[in-house]
């Protein structure tokens, strides 16, 4: 499902999570007041690839 969607979409009237809703809203959600593990990735692409 994540490969099909490619990204989560947040609109004023709806949210379309990249992952199945149960996972996106529970296990993978950043919740205020809770310690959460995260992964941050930064990629710099040059013109020559």
PDB file of N, CA and C in Angstrom:
ATOM      1  N   UNK A   1       0.829  -1.197   0.000  1.00  0.00           N
ATOM      2  CA  UNK A   1       0.000   0.000   0.000  1.00  0.00           C
ATOM      3  C   UNK A   1       0.868   1.253   0.000  1.00  0.00           C
ATOM      4  N   UNK A   2       1.947   1.253   0.789  1.00  0.00           N
ATOM      5  CA  UNK A   2       2.831   2.423   0.835  1.00  0.00           C
ATOM      6  C   UNK A   2       3.479   2.688  -0.522  1.00  0.00           C
ATOM      7  N   UNK A   3       3.883   1.636  -1.230  1.00  0.00           N
ATOM      8  CA  UNK A   3       4.492   1.825  -2.550  1.00  0.00           C
ATOM      9  C   UNK A   3       3.485   2.402  -3.535  1.00  0.00           C
ATOM     10  N   UNK A   4       2.228   2.016  -3.398  1.00  0.00           N
ATOM     11  CA  UNK A   4       1.189   2.508  -4.297  1.00  0.00           C
ATOM     12  C   UNK A   4       0.926   3.994  -4.053  1.00  0.00           C
ATOM     13  N   UNK A   5       0.903   4.410  -2.795  1.00  0.00           N
ATOM     14  CA  UNK A   5       0.585   5.804  -2.465  1.00  0.00           C
ATOM     15  C   UNK A   5       1.799   6.711  -2.513  1.00  0.00           C
ATOM     16  N   UNK A   6       2.923   6.260  -2.010  1.00  0.00           N
ATOM     17  CA  UNK A   6       4.157   7.039  -2.071  1.00  0.00           C
ATOM     18  C   UNK A   6       4.289   8.139  -1.036  1.00  0.00           C
ATOM     19  N   UNK A   7       3.195   8.660  -0.524  1.00  0.00           N
ATOM     20  CA  UNK A   7       3.244   9.732   0.473  1.00  0.00           C
ATOM     21  C   UNK A   7       1.905   9.823   1.195  1.00  0.00           C
ATOM     22  N   UNK A   8       1.912  10.402   2.372  1.00  0.00           N
ATOM     23  CA  UNK A   8       0.660  10.691   3.075  1.00  0.00           C
ATOM     24  C   UNK A   8       0.148  12.037   2.587  1.00  0.00           C
ATOM     25  N   UNK A   9      -1.161  12.190   2.511  1.00  0.00           N
ATOM     26  CA  UNK A   9      -1.768  13.440   2.054  1.00  0.00           C
ATOM     27  C   UNK A   9      -2.673  13.963   3.159  1.00  0.00           C
ATOM     28  N   UNK A  10      -2.468  15.219   3.560  1.00  0.00           N
ATOM     29  CA  UNK A  10      -3.270  15.848   4.603  1.00  0.00           C
ATOM     30  C   UNK A  10      -4.030  17.014   3.988  1.00  0.00           C
ATOM     31  N   UNK A  11      -5.342  16.892   3.916  1.00  0.00           N
ATOM     32  CA  UNK A  11      -6.210  17.935   3.376  1.00  0.00           C
ATOM     33  C   UNK A  11      -7.094  18.480   4.496  1.00  0.00           C
ATOM     34  N   UNK A  12      -7.673  19.659   4.330  1.00  0.00           N
ATOM     35  CA  UNK A  12      -8.560  20.195   5.368  1.00  0.00           C
ATOM     36  C   UNK A  12      -9.745  19.276   5.676  1.00  0.00           C
ATOM     37  N   UNK A  13     -10.185  18.525   4.682  1.00  0.00           N
ATOM     38  CA  UNK A  13     -11.380  17.692   4.876  1.00  0.00           C
ATOM     39  C   UNK A  13     -11.092  16.208   5.025  1.00  0.00           C
ATOM     40  N   UNK A  14      -9.850  15.777   4.808  1.00  0.00           N
ATOM     41  CA  UNK A  14      -9.544  14.344   4.882  1.00  0.00           C
ATOM     42  C   UNK A  14      -8.042  14.118   4.992  1.00  0.00           C
ATOM     43  N   UNK A  15      -7.671  12.943   5.498  1.00  0.00           N
ATOM     44  CA  UNK A  15      -6.283  12.506   5.549  1.00  0.00           C
ATOM     45  C   UNK A  15      -6.189  11.160   4.859  1.00  0.00           C
ATOM     46  N   UNK A  16      -5.190  11.012   3.982  1.00  0.00           N
ATOM     47  CA  UNK A  16      -4.959   9.760   3.269  1.00  0.00           C
ATOM     48  C   UNK A  16      -3.559   9.268   3.636  1.00  0.00           C
ATOM     49  N   UNK A  17      -3.451   8.384   4.633  1.00  0.00           N
ATOM     50  CA  UNK A  17      -2.135   7.937   5.077  1.00  0.00           C
ATOM     51  C   UNK A  17      -1.468   7.018   4.058  1.00  0.00           C
ATOM     52  N   UNK A  18      -0.138   7.080   4.004  1.00  0.00           N
ATOM     53  CA  UNK A  18       0.627   6.229   3.104  1.00  0.00           C
ATOM     54  C   UNK A  18       0.511   4.770   3.545  1.00  0.00           C
ATOM     55  N   UNK A  19       0.510   4.543   4.834  1.00  0.00           N
ATOM     56  CA  UNK A  19       0.427   3.194   5.382  1.00  0.00           C
ATOM     57  C   UNK A  19      -1.012   2.894   5.780  1.00  0.00           C
ATOM     58  N   UNK A  20      -1.343   1.621   5.997  1.00  0.00           N
ATOM     59  CA  UNK A  20      -2.699   1.299   6.452  1.00  0.00           C
ATOM     60  C   UNK A  20      -3.071   2.151   7.671  1.00  0.00           C
ATOM     61  N   UNK A  21      -4.319   2.570   7.737  1.00  0.00           N
ATOM     62  CA  UNK A  21      -4.761   3.536   8.748  1.00  0.00           C
ATOM     63  C   UNK A  21      -4.429   3.112  10.170  1.00  0.00           C
ATOM     64  N   UNK A  22      -4.629   1.853  10.521  1.00  0.00           N
ATOM     65  CA  UNK A  22      -4.355   1.395  11.889  1.00  0.00           C
ATOM     66  C   UNK A  22      -2.880   1.603  12.249  1.00  0.00           C
ATOM     67  N   UNK A  23      -1.989   1.290  11.341  1.00  0.00           N
ATOM     68  CA  UNK A  23      -0.554   1.471  11.592  1.00  0.00           C
ATOM     69  C   UNK A  23      -0.204   2.955  11.638  1.00  0.00           C
ATOM     70  N   UNK A  24      -0.711   3.723  10.685  1.00  0.00           N
ATOM     71  CA  UNK A  24      -0.382   5.147  10.596  1.00  0.00           C
ATOM     72  C   UNK A  24      -0.871   5.928  11.806  1.00  0.00           C
ATOM     73  N   UNK A  25      -2.027   5.590  12.319  1.00  0.00           N
ATOM     74  CA  UNK A  25      -2.613   6.357  13.414  1.00  0.00           C
ATOM     75  C   UNK A  25      -2.222   5.832  14.796  1.00  0.00           C
ATOM     76  N   UNK A  26      -1.675   4.633  14.875  1.00  0.00           N
ATOM     77  CA  UNK A  26      -1.292   4.083  16.175  1.00  0.00           C
ATOM     78  C   UNK A  26       0.216   3.885  16.285  1.00  0.00           C
ATOM     79  N   UNK A  27       0.734   2.844  15.688  1.00  0.00           N
ATOM     80  CA  UNK A  27       2.134   2.480  15.854  1.00  0.00           C
ATOM     81  C   UNK A  27       3.137   3.456  15.281  1.00  0.00           C
ATOM     82  N   UNK A  28       2.794   4.150  14.204  1.00  0.00           N
ATOM     83  CA  UNK A  28       3.748   5.049  13.548  1.00  0.00           C
ATOM     84  C   UNK A  28       3.422   6.520  13.767  1.00  0.00           C
ATOM     85  N   UNK A  29       2.501   6.818  14.646  1.00  0.00           N
ATOM     86  CA  UNK A  29       2.082   8.201  14.868  1.00  0.00           C
ATOM     87  C   UNK A  29       2.927   8.856  15.957  1.00  0.00           C
ATOM     88  N   UNK A  30       3.312  10.110  15.733  1.00  0.00           N
ATOM     89  CA  UNK A  30       3.999  10.881  16.772  1.00  0.00           C
ATOM     90  C   UNK A  30       2.930  11.496  17.660  1.00  0.00           C
ATOM     91  N   UNK A  31       2.925  11.101  18.923  1.00  0.00           N
ATOM     92  CA  UNK A  31       1.883  11.556  19.841  1.00  0.00           C
ATOM     93  C   UNK A  31       2.476  12.492  20.885  1.00  0.00           C
ATOM     94  N   UNK A  32       1.803  13.593  21.103  1.00  0.00           N
ATOM     95  CA  UNK A  32       2.255  14.581  22.071  1.00  0.00           C
ATOM     96  C   UNK A  32       2.355  13.951  23.453  1.00  0.00           C
ATOM     97  N   UNK A  33       3.475  14.194  24.129  1.00  0.00           N
ATOM     98  CA  UNK A  33       3.664  13.696  25.480  1.00  0.00           C
ATOM     99  C   UNK A  33       4.229  12.289  25.552  1.00  0.00           C
ATOM    100  N   UNK A  34       4.473  11.642  24.400  1.00  0.00           N
ATOM    101  CA  UNK A  34       5.029  10.290  24.366  1.00  0.00           C
ATOM    102  C   UNK A  34       6.413  10.326  23.719  1.00  0.00           C
ATOM    103  N   UNK A  35       7.331   9.515  24.242  1.00  0.00           N
ATOM    104  CA  UNK A  35       8.647   9.380  23.633  1.00  0.00           C
ATOM    105  C   UNK A  35       8.508   8.439  22.445  1.00  0.00           C
ATOM    106  N   UNK A  36       8.979   8.871  21.277  1.00  0.00           N
ATOM    107  CA  UNK A  36       8.853   8.075  20.052  1.00  0.00           C
ATOM    108  C   UNK A  36      10.209   7.945  19.373  1.00  0.00           C
ATOM    109  N   UNK A  37      10.478   6.770  18.828  1.00  0.00           N
ATOM    110  CA  UNK A  37      11.679   6.569  18.022  1.00  0.00           C
ATOM    111  C   UNK A  37      11.404   7.091  16.619  1.00  0.00           C
ATOM    112  N   UNK A  38      12.386   7.727  16.024  1.00  0.00           N
ATOM    113  CA  UNK A  38      12.218   8.264  14.673  1.00  0.00           C
ATOM    114  C   UNK A  38      13.466   7.976  13.843  1.00  0.00           C
ATOM    115  N   UNK A  39      13.318   8.065  12.545  1.00  0.00           N
ATOM    116  CA  UNK A  39      14.431   7.992  11.611  1.00  0.00           C
ATOM    117  C   UNK A  39      14.340   9.225  10.730  1.00  0.00           C
ATOM    118  N   UNK A  40      15.434   9.951  10.622  1.00  0.00           N
ATOM    119  CA  UNK A  40      15.477  11.140   9.776  1.00  0.00           C
ATOM    120  C   UNK A  40      16.525  10.914   8.694  1.00  0.00           C
ATOM    121  N   UNK A  41      16.145  11.143   7.441  1.00  0.00           N
ATOM    122  CA  UNK A  41      17.056  10.922   6.318  1.00  0.00           C
ATOM    123  C   UNK A  41      17.130  12.192   5.487  1.00  0.00           C
ATOM    124  N   UNK A  42      18.332  12.579   5.137  1.00  0.00           N
ATOM    125  CA  UNK A  42      18.537  13.738   4.271  1.00  0.00           C
ATOM    126  C   UNK A  42      19.363  13.293   3.072  1.00  0.00           C
ATOM    127  N   UNK A  43      18.882  13.603   1.869  1.00  0.00           N
ATOM    128  CA  UNK A  43      19.581  13.219   0.648  1.00  0.00           C
ATOM    129  C   UNK A  43      19.791  14.472  -0.191  1.00  0.00           C
ATOM    130  N   UNK A  44      21.015  14.676  -0.635  1.00  0.00           N
ATOM    131  CA  UNK A  44      21.323  15.795  -1.518  1.00  0.00           C
ATOM    132  C   UNK A  44      21.644  15.220  -2.891  1.00  0.00           C
ATOM    133  N   UNK A  45      20.865  15.598  -3.885  1.00  0.00           N
ATOM    134  CA  UNK A  45      21.085  15.128  -5.247  1.00  0.00           C
ATOM    135  C   UNK A  45      21.799  16.205  -6.048  1.00  0.00           C
ATOM    136  N   UNK A  46      22.866  15.794  -6.721  1.00  0.00           N
ATOM    137  CA  UNK A  46      23.583  16.717  -7.592  1.00  0.00           C
ATOM    138  C   UNK A  46      23.059  16.565  -9.015  1.00  0.00           C
ATOM    139  N   UNK A  47      23.368  17.524  -9.851  1.00  0.00           N
ATOM    140  CA  UNK A  47      22.910  17.485 -11.242  1.00  0.00           C
ATOM    141  C   UNK A  47      23.414  16.255 -11.984  1.00  0.00           C
ATOM    142  N   UNK A  48      24.626  15.763 -11.632  1.00  0.00           N
ATOM    143  CA  UNK A  48      25.189  14.606 -12.333  1.00  0.00           C
ATOM    144  C   UNK A  48      24.741  13.276 -11.729  1.00  0.00           C
ATOM    145  N   UNK A  49      23.829  13.344 -10.742  1.00  0.00           N
ATOM    146  CA  UNK A  49      23.254  12.137 -10.162  1.00  0.00           C
ATOM    147  C   UNK A  49      23.992  11.632  -8.974  1.00  0.00           C
TER     148      UNK A  49
END
